[in-house]
Amino acid sequence: IASLNTPALAPSVSELRISDDELRDAIASNQLRLMRERGMDLTIFSPRASFMAHHIGS
């Protein structure tokens, strides 16, 4: 997010790598774990909400 104001802080394309195993582990140990604990079996994503840029702030 800091790179929005300072592009030099953005990672290079070669640094943007994540393996399938890393992704699978991150989801299983966080999102899926919480869903199981809460008795959930479905997540609905809103494409419209994703463009609202909540992660950027004011």
PDB file of N, CA and C in Angstrom:
ATOM      1  N   ILE A   1       0.835  -1.192   0.000  1.00  0.00           N
ATOM      2  CA  ILE A   1       0.000   0.000   0.000  1.00  0.00           C
ATOM      3  C   ILE A   1       0.878   1.254   0.000  1.00  0.00           C
ATOM      4  N   ALA A   2       1.998   1.199   0.701  1.00  0.00           N
ATOM      5  CA  ALA A   2       2.892   2.362   0.738  1.00  0.00           C
ATOM      6  C   ALA A   2       3.377   2.726  -0.655  1.00  0.00           C
ATOM      7  N   SER A   3       3.459   1.737  -1.538  1.00  0.00           N
ATOM      8  CA  SER A   3       3.959   2.019  -2.887  1.00  0.00           C
ATOM      9  C   SER A   3       2.961   2.802  -3.736  1.00  0.00           C
ATOM     10  N   LEU A   4       1.729   2.958  -3.272  1.00  0.00           N
ATOM     11  CA  LEU A   4       0.780   3.799  -4.007  1.00  0.00           C
ATOM     12  C   LEU A   4       1.250   5.245  -4.007  1.00  0.00           C
ATOM     13  N   ASN A   5       1.852   5.663  -2.888  1.00  0.00           N
ATOM     14  CA  ASN A   5       2.377   7.026  -2.792  1.00  0.00           C
ATOM     15  C   ASN A   5       3.842   7.108  -3.202  1.00  0.00           C
ATOM     16  N   THR A   6       4.569   6.005  -3.040  1.00  0.00           N
ATOM     17  CA  THR A   6       5.994   5.963  -3.359  1.00  0.00           C
ATOM     18  C   THR A   6       6.267   4.727  -4.206  1.00  0.00           C
ATOM     19  N   PRO A   7       6.129   4.829  -5.522  1.00  0.00           N
ATOM     20  CA  PRO A   7       6.282   3.666  -6.400  1.00  0.00           C
ATOM     21  C   PRO A   7       7.606   2.916  -6.233  1.00  0.00           C
ATOM     22  N   ALA A   8       8.654   3.591  -5.776  1.00  0.00           N
ATOM     23  CA  ALA A   8       9.950   2.928  -5.590  1.00  0.00           C
ATOM     24  C   ALA A   8       9.880   1.843  -4.517  1.00  0.00           C
ATOM     25  N   LEU A   9       8.883   1.894  -3.640  1.00  0.00           N
ATOM     26  CA  LEU A   9       8.729   0.891  -2.583  1.00  0.00           C
ATOM     27  C   LEU A   9       8.062  -0.390  -3.072  1.00  0.00           C
ATOM     28  N   ALA A  10       7.518  -0.364  -4.259  1.00  0.00           N
ATOM     29  CA  ALA A  10       6.815  -1.534  -4.799  1.00  0.00           C
ATOM     30  C   ALA A  10       7.809  -2.659  -5.088  1.00  0.00           C
ATOM     31  N   PRO A  11       7.407  -3.902  -4.840  1.00  0.00           N
ATOM     32  CA  PRO A  11       8.299  -5.026  -5.158  1.00  0.00           C
ATOM     33  C   PRO A  11       8.432  -5.187  -6.669  1.00  0.00           C
ATOM     34  N   SER A  12       9.527  -5.784  -7.079  1.00  0.00           N
ATOM     35  CA  SER A  12       9.696  -6.057  -8.507  1.00  0.00           C
ATOM     36  C   SER A  12       8.845  -7.265  -8.880  1.00  0.00           C
ATOM     37  N   VAL A  13       8.587  -7.432 -10.149  1.00  0.00           N
ATOM     38  CA  VAL A  13       7.772  -8.552 -10.621  1.00  0.00           C
ATOM     39  C   VAL A  13       8.392  -9.883 -10.203  1.00  0.00           C
ATOM     40  N   SER A  14       9.711  -9.975 -10.228  1.00  0.00           N
ATOM     41  CA  SER A  14      10.375 -11.231  -9.860  1.00  0.00           C
ATOM     42  C   SER A  14      10.199 -11.571  -8.382  1.00  0.00           C
ATOM     43  N   GLU A  15       9.895 -10.580  -7.542  1.00  0.00           N
ATOM     44  CA  GLU A  15       9.666 -10.823  -6.113  1.00  0.00           C
ATOM     45  C   GLU A  15       8.238 -11.298  -5.830  1.00  0.00           C
ATOM     46  N   LEU A  16       7.357 -11.157  -6.784  1.00  0.00           N
ATOM     47  CA  LEU A  16       5.953 -11.513  -6.592  1.00  0.00           C
ATOM     48  C   LEU A  16       5.726 -12.980  -6.949  1.00  0.00           C
ATOM     49  N   ARG A  17       6.281 -13.863  -6.168  1.00  0.00           N
ATOM     50  CA  ARG A  17       6.170 -15.299  -6.416  1.00  0.00           C
ATOM     51  C   ARG A  17       5.622 -15.985  -5.177  1.00  0.00           C
ATOM     52  N   ILE A  18       4.666 -16.871  -5.371  1.00  0.00           N
ATOM     53  CA  ILE A  18       4.154 -17.708  -4.297  1.00  0.00           C
ATOM     54  C   ILE A  18       3.816 -19.061  -4.921  1.00  0.00           C
ATOM     55  N   SER A  19       4.233 -20.110  -4.248  1.00  0.00           N
ATOM     56  CA  SER A  19       3.991 -21.445  -4.797  1.00  0.00           C
ATOM     57  C   SER A  19       2.566 -21.895  -4.474  1.00  0.00           C
ATOM     58  N   ASP A  20       2.109 -22.895  -5.180  1.00  0.00           N
ATOM     59  CA  ASP A  20       0.789 -23.462  -4.899  1.00  0.00           C
ATOM     60  C   ASP A  20       0.730 -23.975  -3.467  1.00  0.00           C
ATOM     61  N   ASP A  21       1.815 -24.604  -3.007  1.00  0.00           N
ATOM     62  CA  ASP A  21       1.852 -25.135  -1.641  1.00  0.00           C
ATOM     63  C   ASP A  21       1.767 -24.022  -0.605  1.00  0.00           C
ATOM     64  N   GLU A  22       2.470 -22.903  -0.839  1.00  0.00           N
ATOM     65  CA  GLU A  22       2.407 -21.770   0.087  1.00  0.00           C
ATOM     66  C   GLU A  22       0.993 -21.195   0.143  1.00  0.00           C
ATOM     67  N   LEU A  23       0.376 -21.056  -1.001  1.00  0.00           N
ATOM     68  CA  LEU A  23      -0.984 -20.530  -1.069  1.00  0.00           C
ATOM     69  C   LEU A  23      -1.965 -21.468  -0.380  1.00  0.00           C
ATOM     70  N   ARG A  24      -1.865 -22.754  -0.682  1.00  0.00           N
ATOM     71  CA  ARG A  24      -2.738 -23.761  -0.081  1.00  0.00           C
ATOM     72  C   ARG A  24      -2.592 -23.761   1.443  1.00  0.00           C
ATOM     73  N   ASP A  25      -1.355 -23.711   1.939  1.00  0.00           N
ATOM     74  CA  ASP A  25      -1.106 -23.713   3.378  1.00  0.00           C
ATOM     75  C   ASP A  25      -1.671 -22.458   4.043  1.00  0.00           C
ATOM     76  N   ALA A  26      -1.479 -21.299   3.416  1.00  0.00           N
ATOM     77  CA  ALA A  26      -1.982 -20.047   3.986  1.00  0.00           C
ATOM     78  C   ALA A  26      -3.501 -20.056   4.092  1.00  0.00           C
ATOM     79  N   ILE A  27      -4.170 -20.563   3.084  1.00  0.00           N
ATOM     80  CA  ILE A  27      -5.634 -20.603   3.098  1.00  0.00           C
ATOM     81  C   ILE A  27      -6.137 -21.637   4.100  1.00  0.00           C
ATOM     82  N   ALA A  28      -5.528 -22.815   4.108  1.00  0.00           N
ATOM     83  CA  ALA A  28      -5.977 -23.887   5.002  1.00  0.00           C
ATOM     84  C   ALA A  28      -5.777 -23.528   6.466  1.00  0.00           C
ATOM     85  N   SER A  29      -4.669 -22.871   6.788  1.00  0.00           N
ATOM     86  CA  SER A  29      -4.383 -22.583   8.195  1.00  0.00           C
ATOM     87  C   SER A  29      -5.027 -21.292   8.686  1.00  0.00           C
ATOM     88  N   ASN A  30      -5.663 -20.559   7.819  1.00  0.00           N
ATOM     89  CA  ASN A  30      -6.314 -19.309   8.223  1.00  0.00           C
ATOM     90  C   ASN A  30      -7.792 -19.320   7.845  1.00  0.00           C
ATOM     91  N   GLN A  31      -8.101 -18.980   6.608  1.00  0.00           N
ATOM     92  CA  GLN A  31      -9.491 -18.866   6.153  1.00  0.00           C
ATOM     93  C   GLN A  31     -10.289 -20.148   6.366  1.00  0.00           C
ATOM     94  N   LEU A  32      -9.779 -21.276   5.877  1.00  0.00           N
ATOM     95  CA  LEU A  32     -10.535 -22.531   5.988  1.00  0.00           C
ATOM     96  C   LEU A  32     -10.665 -22.989   7.436  1.00  0.00           C
ATOM     97  N   ARG A  33      -9.622 -22.768   8.234  1.00  0.00           N
ATOM     98  CA  ARG A  33      -9.681 -23.135   9.657  1.00  0.00           C
ATOM     99  C   ARG A  33     -10.788 -22.349  10.361  1.00  0.00           C
ATOM    100  N   LEU A  34     -10.835 -21.054  10.136  1.00  0.00           N
ATOM    101  CA  LEU A  34     -11.866 -20.229  10.768  1.00  0.00           C
ATOM    102  C   LEU A  34     -13.260 -20.616  10.286  1.00  0.00           C
ATOM    103  N   MET A  35     -13.380 -20.909   9.008  1.00  0.00           N
ATOM    104  CA  MET A  35     -14.684 -21.319   8.478  1.00  0.00           C
ATOM    105  C   MET A  35     -15.148 -22.617   9.137  1.00  0.00           C
ATOM    106  N   ARG A  36     -14.239 -23.588   9.288  1.00  0.00           N
ATOM    107  CA  ARG A  36     -14.602 -24.858   9.938  1.00  0.00           C
ATOM    108  C   ARG A  36     -15.027 -24.623  11.379  1.00  0.00           C
ATOM    109  N   GLU A  37     -14.258 -23.783  12.104  1.00  0.00           N
ATOM    110  CA  GLU A  37     -14.567 -23.492  13.507  1.00  0.00           C
ATOM    111  C   GLU A  37     -15.936 -22.837  13.651  1.00  0.00           C
ATOM    112  N   ARG A  38     -16.347 -22.077  12.666  1.00  0.00           N
ATOM    113  CA  ARG A  38     -17.616 -21.342  12.728  1.00  0.00           C
ATOM    114  C   ARG A  38     -18.759 -22.069  12.029  1.00  0.00           C
ATOM    115  N   GLY A  39     -18.491 -23.274  11.539  1.00  0.00           N
ATOM    116  CA  GLY A  39     -19.534 -24.070  10.899  1.00  0.00           C
ATOM    117  C   GLY A  39     -19.933 -23.574   9.521  1.00  0.00           C
ATOM    118  N   MET A  40     -19.038 -22.873   8.858  1.00  0.00           N
ATOM    119  CA  MET A  40     -19.333 -22.335   7.527  1.00  0.00           C
ATOM    120  C   MET A  40     -18.799 -23.276   6.456  1.00  0.00           C
ATOM    121  N   ASP A  41     -19.491 -23.343   5.332  1.00  0.00           N
ATOM    122  CA  ASP A  41     -18.998 -24.156   4.224  1.00  0.00           C
ATOM    123  C   ASP A  41     -19.073 -23.424   2.886  1.00  0.00           C
ATOM    124  N   LEU A  42     -19.332 -22.113   2.939  1.00  0.00           N
ATOM    125  CA  LEU A  42     -19.458 -21.342   1.709  1.00  0.00           C
ATOM    126  C   LEU A  42     -19.034 -19.903   1.963  1.00  0.00           C
ATOM    127  N   THR A  43     -18.277 -19.344   1.042  1.00  0.00           N
ATOM    128  CA  THR A  43     -17.921 -17.928   1.081  1.00  0.00           C
ATOM    129  C   THR A  43     -18.334 -17.319  -0.249  1.00  0.00           C
ATOM    130  N   ILE A  44     -19.030 -16.199  -0.193  1.00  0.00           N
ATOM    131  CA  ILE A  44     -19.464 -15.513  -1.408  1.00  0.00           C
ATOM    132  C   ILE A  44     -18.647 -14.231  -1.538  1.00  0.00           C
ATOM    133  N   PHE A  45     -17.972 -14.078  -2.663  1.00  0.00           N
ATOM    134  CA  PHE A  45     -17.175 -12.890  -2.919  1.00  0.00           C
ATOM    135  C   PHE A  45     -17.957 -11.950  -3.820  1.00  0.00           C
ATOM    136  N   SER A  46     -17.902 -10.667  -3.496  1.00  0.00           N
ATOM    137  CA  SER A  46     -18.590  -9.669  -4.295  1.00  0.00           C
ATOM    138  C   SER A  46     -17.590  -8.963  -5.209  1.00  0.00           C
ATOM    139  N   PRO A  47     -17.693  -9.152  -6.512  1.00  0.00           N
ATOM    140  CA  PRO A  47     -16.775  -8.450  -7.423  1.00  0.00           C
ATOM    141  C   PRO A  47     -16.887  -6.936  -7.292  1.00  0.00           C
ATOM    142  N   ARG A  48     -18.070  -6.449  -7.051  1.00  0.00           N
ATOM    143  CA  ARG A  48     -18.255  -5.007  -6.924  1.00  0.00           C
ATOM    144  C   ARG A  48     -17.510  -4.480  -5.695  1.00  0.00           C
ATOM    145  N   ALA A  49     -17.590  -5.173  -4.575  1.00  0.00           N
ATOM    146  CA  ALA A  49     -16.914  -4.727  -3.357  1.00  0.00           C
ATOM    147  C   ALA A  49     -15.399  -4.735  -3.519  1.00  0.00           C
ATOM    148  N   SER A  50     -14.878  -5.622  -4.329  1.00  0.00           N
ATOM    149  CA  SER A  50     -13.422  -5.683  -4.497  1.00  0.00           C
ATOM    150  C   SER A  50     -12.875  -4.418  -5.147  1.00  0.00           C
ATOM    151  N   PHE A  51     -13.688  -3.704  -5.893  1.00  0.00           N
ATOM    152  CA  PHE A  51     -13.242  -2.470  -6.534  1.00  0.00           C
ATOM    153  C   PHE A  51     -13.380  -1.255  -5.618  1.00  0.00           C
ATOM    154  N   MET A  52     -13.877  -1.459  -4.396  1.00  0.00           N
ATOM    155  CA  MET A  52     -14.055  -0.343  -3.474  1.00  0.00           C
ATOM    156  C   MET A  52     -12.744   0.030  -2.787  1.00  0.00           C
ATOM    157  N   ALA A  53     -11.725  -0.808  -2.917  1.00  0.00           N
ATOM    158  CA  ALA A  53     -10.375  -0.538  -2.401  1.00  0.00           C
ATOM    159  C   ALA A  53     -10.363  -0.263  -0.898  1.00  0.00           C
ATOM    160  N   HIS A  54     -11.042  -1.091  -0.126  1.00  0.00           N
ATOM    161  CA  HIS A  54     -11.049  -0.935   1.326  1.00  0.00           C
ATOM    162  C   HIS A  54      -9.643  -1.015   1.917  1.00  0.00           C
ATOM    163  N   HIS A  55      -8.761  -1.732   1.257  1.00  0.00           N
ATOM    164  CA  HIS A  55      -7.407  -1.929   1.754  1.00  0.00           C
ATOM    165  C   HIS A  55      -6.522  -0.690   1.595  1.00  0.00           C
ATOM    166  N   ILE A  56      -6.985   0.318   0.888  1.00  0.00           N
ATOM    167  CA  ILE A  56      -6.155   1.494   0.637  1.00  0.00           C
ATOM    168  C   ILE A  56      -6.375   2.580   1.686  1.00  0.00           C
ATOM    169  N   GLY A  57      -7.530   2.701   2.237  1.00  0.00           N
ATOM    170  CA  GLY A  57      -7.795   3.727   3.239  1.00  0.00           C
ATOM    171  C   GLY A  57      -8.322   4.994   2.607  1.00  0.00           C
ATOM    172  N   SER A  58      -8.351   6.057   3.394  1.00  0.00           N
ATOM    173  CA  SER A  58      -8.940   7.299   2.883  1.00  0.00           C
ATOM    174  C   SER A  58      -7.929   8.071   2.124  1.00  0.00           C
TER     175      SER A  58
END
